[in-house]
Amino acid sequence: MCPPEHFTVEYAINPWMNTEFAVDAALAVQQWEALRATLTDLGHEVHVLDPRPGLPDMVYSANGAFSVDGTVYGARFRFPQRADEAVAHRAFYADAGRWRFVAPEHVNEGEGDFAYLPGAYGGIVLAGYGFRTDPAAHAEAQEVLGRPVVSLKLVDPAFYHLDTALAALDDRHVTYYPDAFSPASQRVLAQLFPDALLADREDAEAFGLNLVSDGRHVILNTEASAMGRKVRDAGYLPVHVNLSELKRGGGSVKCAVAELRP
């Protein structure tokens, strides 16, 4: 995670960003601290990436890379405003000394457009494209990670990253909003995950799919109350955290958390 010490909305690179409304910087930090405390209280270790001036979106740390079994596939951002974030993430993994880091040739935005389900089909990667990530990055990721990668086309600009439209609930099960995907990608998802928890547009617009799950606890923002009820009915324990300020930049719980898979 990366604290939002420099978080502002200075530019608009997704439909949720509006430069006319100022971010409450103090509240953003307070809400981020609450999310970190929630994760640690649930028994998870949180590593903190140092924020850098001039990179207001670093708080969305999920976008900086994608890791599977100790191998890290680095990010290459679509927009120049975020390009230097990839450098900061690469330095984090290099300093840690326990990762094999592979720099990408193709544009991709890390866990923003990649999800891993280790218990499904022997370990499968779901990968989004259509707005941010180059489809060629999917083949590149497959070669780097040695896991089959399934390409899914995103078609609604409001859900510009895979992690705004789909989430892993545990090692084998997903939840997603069907209309965020092309008809062909919807058929692929239905075939792969016939028992998926389906969300509606209200859930997706509340960033209810931008969640983090440890297989039991599902952490999602407070606005996504209907989604919370759905995951509870599916047998998980919803844990709500208010991230209203981060939503101003087009992100929520998952965007703020890069999951490390050693």
Protein backbone atom coordinates (compact mmCIF):
# COMPACT_ATOMS: atom_id res chain seq x y z
CA MET A 1 0.00 0.00 0.00
CA CYS A 2 1.05 3.60 -0.55
CA PRO A 3 -0.29 6.43 1.65
CA PRO A 4 -2.12 9.23 -0.18
CA GLU A 5 0.12 12.01 1.11
CA HIS A 6 0.22 13.62 -2.34
CA PHE A 7 -3.22 12.51 -3.53
CA THR A 8 -5.14 15.08 -5.57
CA VAL A 9 -7.26 15.02 -8.70
CA GLU A 10 -5.15 17.21 -10.98
CA TYR A 11 -6.14 15.59 -14.26
CA ALA A 12 -8.90 13.34 -15.60
CA ILE A 13 -7.89 10.00 -17.09
CA ASN A 14 -11.04 8.08 -16.20
CA PRO A 15 -14.75 9.01 -16.01
CA TRP A 16 -14.72 9.22 -12.21
CA MET A 17 -12.12 12.00 -12.01
CA ASN A 18 -13.37 15.59 -11.82
CA THR A 19 -10.80 18.33 -11.39
CA GLU A 20 -13.47 20.84 -10.35
CA PHE A 21 -13.90 19.27 -6.92
CA ALA A 22 -11.06 19.37 -4.43
CA VAL A 23 -9.97 16.27 -2.55
CA ASP A 24 -10.01 16.43 1.24
CA ALA A 25 -6.38 15.40 1.67
CA ALA A 26 -6.57 14.87 5.44
CA LEU A 27 -9.69 12.72 5.10
CA ALA A 28 -8.06 10.67 2.34
CA VAL A 29 -5.13 9.84 4.63
CA GLN A 30 -7.50 9.04 7.51
CA GLN A 31 -9.55 6.67 5.35
CA TRP A 32 -6.42 5.01 3.98
CA GLU A 33 -5.13 4.46 7.51
CA ALA A 34 -8.45 2.83 8.40
CA LEU A 35 -8.08 0.44 5.47
CA ARG A 36 -4.54 -0.47 6.50
CA ALA A 37 -5.66 -1.01 10.09
CA THR A 38 -8.49 -3.23 8.88
CA LEU A 39 -6.06 -5.42 6.96
CA THR A 40 -3.61 -5.73 9.84
CA ASP A 41 -6.41 -6.42 12.33
CA LEU A 42 -7.44 -9.33 10.11
CA GLY A 43 -3.93 -10.73 10.41
CA HIS A 44 -2.39 -9.54 7.13
CA GLU A 45 1.06 -8.01 6.81
CA VAL A 46 1.08 -4.66 5.03
CA HIS A 47 4.20 -3.31 3.32
CA VAL A 48 4.19 0.45 2.75
CA LEU A 49 5.55 2.04 -0.41
CA ASP A 50 6.91 5.56 0.08
CA PRO A 51 4.82 8.15 -1.77
CA ARG A 52 6.57 10.47 -4.20
CA PRO A 53 5.73 14.11 -4.91
CA GLY A 54 4.26 14.69 -8.33
CA LEU A 55 2.64 11.25 -8.47
CA PRO A 56 -0.84 11.83 -6.98
CA ASP A 57 -2.17 8.42 -8.06
CA MET A 58 0.47 6.34 -6.27
CA VAL A 59 -2.14 5.52 -3.64
CA TYR A 60 -3.60 3.13 -6.22
CA SER A 61 -0.75 0.73 -5.62
CA ALA A 62 -2.45 -2.27 -7.27
CA ASN A 63 -1.62 -0.78 -10.65
CA GLY A 64 2.16 -0.91 -10.22
CA ALA A 65 2.80 -4.62 -10.88
CA PHE A 66 1.32 -8.13 -10.77
CA SER A 67 2.93 -10.96 -8.82
CA VAL A 68 2.45 -14.73 -8.97
CA ASP A 69 4.57 -17.28 -7.10
CA GLY A 70 7.50 -14.96 -6.54
CA THR A 71 7.63 -13.58 -10.08
CA VAL A 72 6.62 -9.96 -10.63
CA TYR A 73 5.41 -8.71 -14.00
CA GLY A 74 5.96 -4.97 -13.95
CA ALA A 75 3.60 -2.25 -15.11
CA ARG A 76 3.90 0.16 -18.02
CA PHE A 77 1.23 2.83 -17.68
CA ARG A 78 -0.99 4.04 -20.49
CA PHE A 79 -0.89 7.69 -19.43
CA PRO A 80 2.34 9.67 -18.99
CA GLN A 81 1.06 11.21 -15.75
CA ARG A 82 1.50 7.83 -14.04
CA ALA A 83 4.56 6.49 -15.86
CA ASP A 84 7.05 7.07 -13.04
CA GLU A 85 4.95 5.01 -10.63
CA ALA A 86 6.25 1.89 -12.36
CA VAL A 87 9.80 2.91 -11.44
CA ALA A 88 8.88 3.21 -7.76
CA HIS A 89 7.26 -0.21 -7.73
CA ARG A 90 10.22 -1.81 -9.46
CA ALA A 91 12.53 -0.33 -6.82
CA PHE A 92 10.34 -1.78 -4.05
CA TYR A 93 10.66 -5.32 -5.41
CA ALA A 94 14.37 -4.91 -6.09
CA ASP A 95 15.01 -3.71 -2.54
CA ALA A 96 13.04 -6.60 -1.09
CA GLY A 97 15.44 -9.00 -2.78
CA ARG A 98 13.10 -11.99 -2.88
CA TRP A 99 11.32 -11.45 -6.17
CA ARG A 100 12.11 -12.12 -9.80
CA PHE A 101 11.11 -8.89 -11.48
CA VAL A 102 10.41 -8.78 -15.22
CA ALA A 103 10.02 -5.41 -16.89
CA PRO A 104 7.26 -5.34 -19.52
CA GLU A 105 7.50 -4.41 -23.16
CA HIS A 106 3.77 -3.84 -23.50
CA VAL A 107 1.41 -1.41 -21.81
CA ASN A 108 -0.32 -2.89 -18.78
CA GLU A 109 -1.50 -1.56 -15.44
CA GLY A 110 -0.67 -4.37 -13.06
CA GLU A 111 -3.38 -5.82 -10.87
CA GLY A 112 -5.72 -3.21 -12.23
CA ASP A 113 -6.15 -5.50 -15.22
CA PHE A 114 -4.93 -8.87 -13.89
CA ALA A 115 -6.48 -11.24 -11.36
CA TYR A 116 -5.11 -14.61 -10.22
CA LEU A 117 -7.07 -17.63 -9.03
CA PRO A 118 -4.60 -20.30 -7.89
CA GLY A 119 -7.30 -22.92 -7.26
CA ALA A 120 -9.11 -22.60 -10.57
CA TYR A 121 -7.97 -24.79 -13.47
CA GLY A 122 -4.58 -25.35 -11.88
CA GLY A 123 -3.96 -21.63 -11.51
CA ILE A 124 -5.46 -19.17 -13.98
CA VAL A 125 -4.95 -15.48 -14.72
CA LEU A 126 -7.87 -13.34 -15.84
CA ALA A 127 -6.79 -10.28 -17.80
CA GLY A 128 -8.73 -7.24 -18.93
CA TYR A 129 -8.23 -5.03 -21.97
CA GLY A 130 -10.14 -2.36 -23.85
CA PHE A 131 -9.12 0.85 -22.10
CA ARG A 132 -5.75 0.63 -20.34
CA THR A 133 -3.90 -2.62 -20.98
CA ASP A 134 -2.61 -3.67 -24.40
CA PRO A 135 -3.90 -7.16 -25.33
CA ALA A 136 -0.30 -8.06 -26.28
CA ALA A 137 0.56 -7.74 -22.58
CA HIS A 138 -1.62 -10.77 -21.89
CA ALA A 139 0.60 -13.04 -23.98
CA GLU A 140 3.67 -11.42 -22.44
CA ALA A 141 2.34 -12.03 -18.92
CA GLN A 142 1.65 -15.66 -19.75
CA GLU A 143 5.25 -16.17 -20.84
CA VAL A 144 6.59 -14.37 -17.76
CA LEU A 145 4.36 -16.05 -15.19
CA GLY A 146 3.90 -19.50 -16.71
CA ARG A 147 0.16 -19.45 -16.08
CA PRO A 148 -2.66 -19.53 -18.64
CA VAL A 149 -4.06 -16.07 -19.24
CA VAL A 150 -7.67 -15.54 -20.31
CA SER A 151 -8.32 -12.26 -22.12
CA LEU A 152 -11.53 -10.42 -21.28
CA LYS A 153 -12.68 -7.35 -23.19
CA LEU A 154 -14.01 -4.42 -21.15
CA VAL A 155 -16.57 -2.30 -23.02
CA ASP A 156 -17.92 0.25 -20.53
CA PRO A 157 -15.64 3.27 -19.90
CA ALA A 158 -16.95 3.55 -16.34
CA PHE A 159 -15.26 0.23 -15.62
CA TYR A 160 -11.95 0.90 -17.26
CA HIS A 161 -9.92 -1.64 -15.27
CA LEU A 162 -10.70 -5.30 -14.68
CA ASP A 163 -10.68 -4.70 -10.92
CA THR A 164 -13.67 -2.37 -11.21
CA ALA A 165 -15.72 -5.12 -12.90
CA LEU A 166 -14.49 -8.43 -11.47
CA ALA A 167 -12.94 -9.73 -8.25
CA ALA A 168 -11.70 -13.02 -6.86
CA LEU A 169 -13.64 -14.03 -3.75
CA ASP A 170 -11.31 -16.92 -2.97
CA ASP A 171 -8.92 -19.20 -4.86
CA ARG A 172 -11.64 -20.54 -7.17
CA HIS A 173 -14.64 -18.21 -7.16
CA VAL A 174 -15.26 -14.79 -8.67
CA THR A 175 -17.84 -12.06 -8.67
CA TYR A 176 -18.35 -9.79 -11.67
CA TYR A 177 -20.66 -7.34 -13.43
CA PRO A 178 -21.55 -8.97 -16.78
CA ASP A 179 -22.38 -5.81 -18.74
CA ALA A 180 -18.90 -4.43 -18.19
CA PHE A 181 -17.68 -7.10 -20.64
CA SER A 182 -18.24 -7.80 -24.31
CA PRO A 183 -20.82 -10.49 -25.15
CA ALA A 184 -18.05 -12.95 -26.07
CA SER A 185 -16.19 -12.30 -22.81
CA GLN A 186 -19.44 -12.78 -20.90
CA ARG A 187 -19.78 -16.21 -22.48
CA VAL A 188 -16.20 -17.07 -21.53
CA LEU A 189 -16.79 -16.05 -17.91
CA ALA A 190 -20.05 -17.99 -17.75
CA GLN A 191 -18.29 -21.10 -19.03
CA LEU A 192 -15.32 -20.78 -16.67
CA PHE A 193 -17.31 -19.74 -13.60
CA PRO A 194 -20.89 -21.03 -13.83
CA ASP A 195 -21.34 -20.48 -10.09
CA ALA A 196 -20.03 -16.90 -10.06
CA LEU A 197 -21.67 -14.26 -7.88
CA LEU A 198 -23.16 -11.80 -10.35
CA ALA A 199 -23.25 -8.11 -9.52
CA ASP A 200 -25.47 -5.43 -11.03
CA ARG A 201 -24.68 -1.93 -12.20
CA GLU A 202 -25.52 -0.41 -8.83
CA ASP A 203 -22.94 -2.67 -7.20
CA ALA A 204 -20.31 -1.80 -9.81
CA GLU A 205 -20.94 1.96 -9.67
CA ALA A 206 -20.55 1.81 -5.89
CA PHE A 207 -17.13 0.20 -6.55
CA GLY A 208 -18.45 -2.91 -4.83
CA LEU A 209 -16.34 -5.10 -7.12
CA ASN A 210 -13.17 -3.20 -6.26
CA LEU A 211 -12.70 -5.40 -3.22
CA VAL A 212 -10.04 -7.45 -1.48
CA SER A 213 -10.83 -10.92 -0.15
CA ASP A 214 -8.76 -13.35 1.88
CA GLY A 215 -11.21 -16.15 1.14
CA ARG A 216 -13.27 -15.45 4.24
CA HIS A 217 -13.35 -11.70 4.82
CA VAL A 218 -14.37 -9.49 1.91
CA ILE A 219 -13.23 -5.90 2.39
CA LEU A 220 -15.24 -3.38 0.41
CA ASN A 221 -16.24 0.24 0.72
CA THR A 222 -19.20 1.38 2.78
CA GLU A 223 -21.11 2.68 -0.23
CA ALA A 224 -21.38 -0.86 -1.57
CA SER A 225 -23.94 -2.00 1.02
CA ALA A 226 -25.96 -4.09 -1.45
CA MET A 227 -22.82 -5.87 -2.58
CA GLY A 228 -21.97 -6.50 1.06
CA ARG A 229 -25.28 -8.28 1.52
CA LYS A 230 -24.64 -10.40 -1.57
CA VAL A 231 -21.24 -11.61 -0.41
CA ARG A 232 -22.68 -12.35 3.03
CA ASP A 233 -25.44 -14.42 1.46
CA ALA A 234 -22.72 -16.27 -0.49
CA GLY A 235 -21.02 -17.29 2.76
CA TYR A 236 -18.34 -14.62 3.17
CA LEU A 237 -17.95 -11.98 5.87
CA PRO A 238 -18.18 -8.44 4.48
CA VAL A 239 -16.01 -5.80 6.14
CA HIS A 240 -16.85 -2.24 5.11
CA VAL A 241 -14.37 0.64 4.99
CA ASN A 242 -15.19 4.20 3.92
CA LEU A 243 -13.01 5.25 0.98
CA SER A 244 -15.10 8.10 -0.38
CA GLU A 245 -12.10 10.29 -1.13
CA LEU A 246 -10.24 7.64 -3.11
CA LYS A 247 -13.33 7.13 -5.25
CA ARG A 248 -12.84 10.70 -6.50
CA GLY A 249 -9.83 9.37 -8.38
CA GLY A 250 -11.64 6.33 -9.71
CA GLY A 251 -10.53 3.72 -7.18
CA SER A 252 -11.44 1.99 -3.96
CA VAL A 253 -10.25 -0.90 -1.79
CA LYS A 254 -8.62 -3.11 -4.42
CA CYS A 255 -6.95 -0.20 -6.19
CA ALA A 256 -5.24 0.70 -2.92
CA VAL A 257 -3.90 -2.80 -2.25
CA ALA A 258 -1.29 -4.69 -4.27
CA GLU A 259 -1.45 -8.34 -3.26
CA LEU A 260 1.98 -9.94 -2.87
CA ARG A 261 2.22 -13.60 -3.82
CA PRO A 262 5.66 -14.93 -2.87
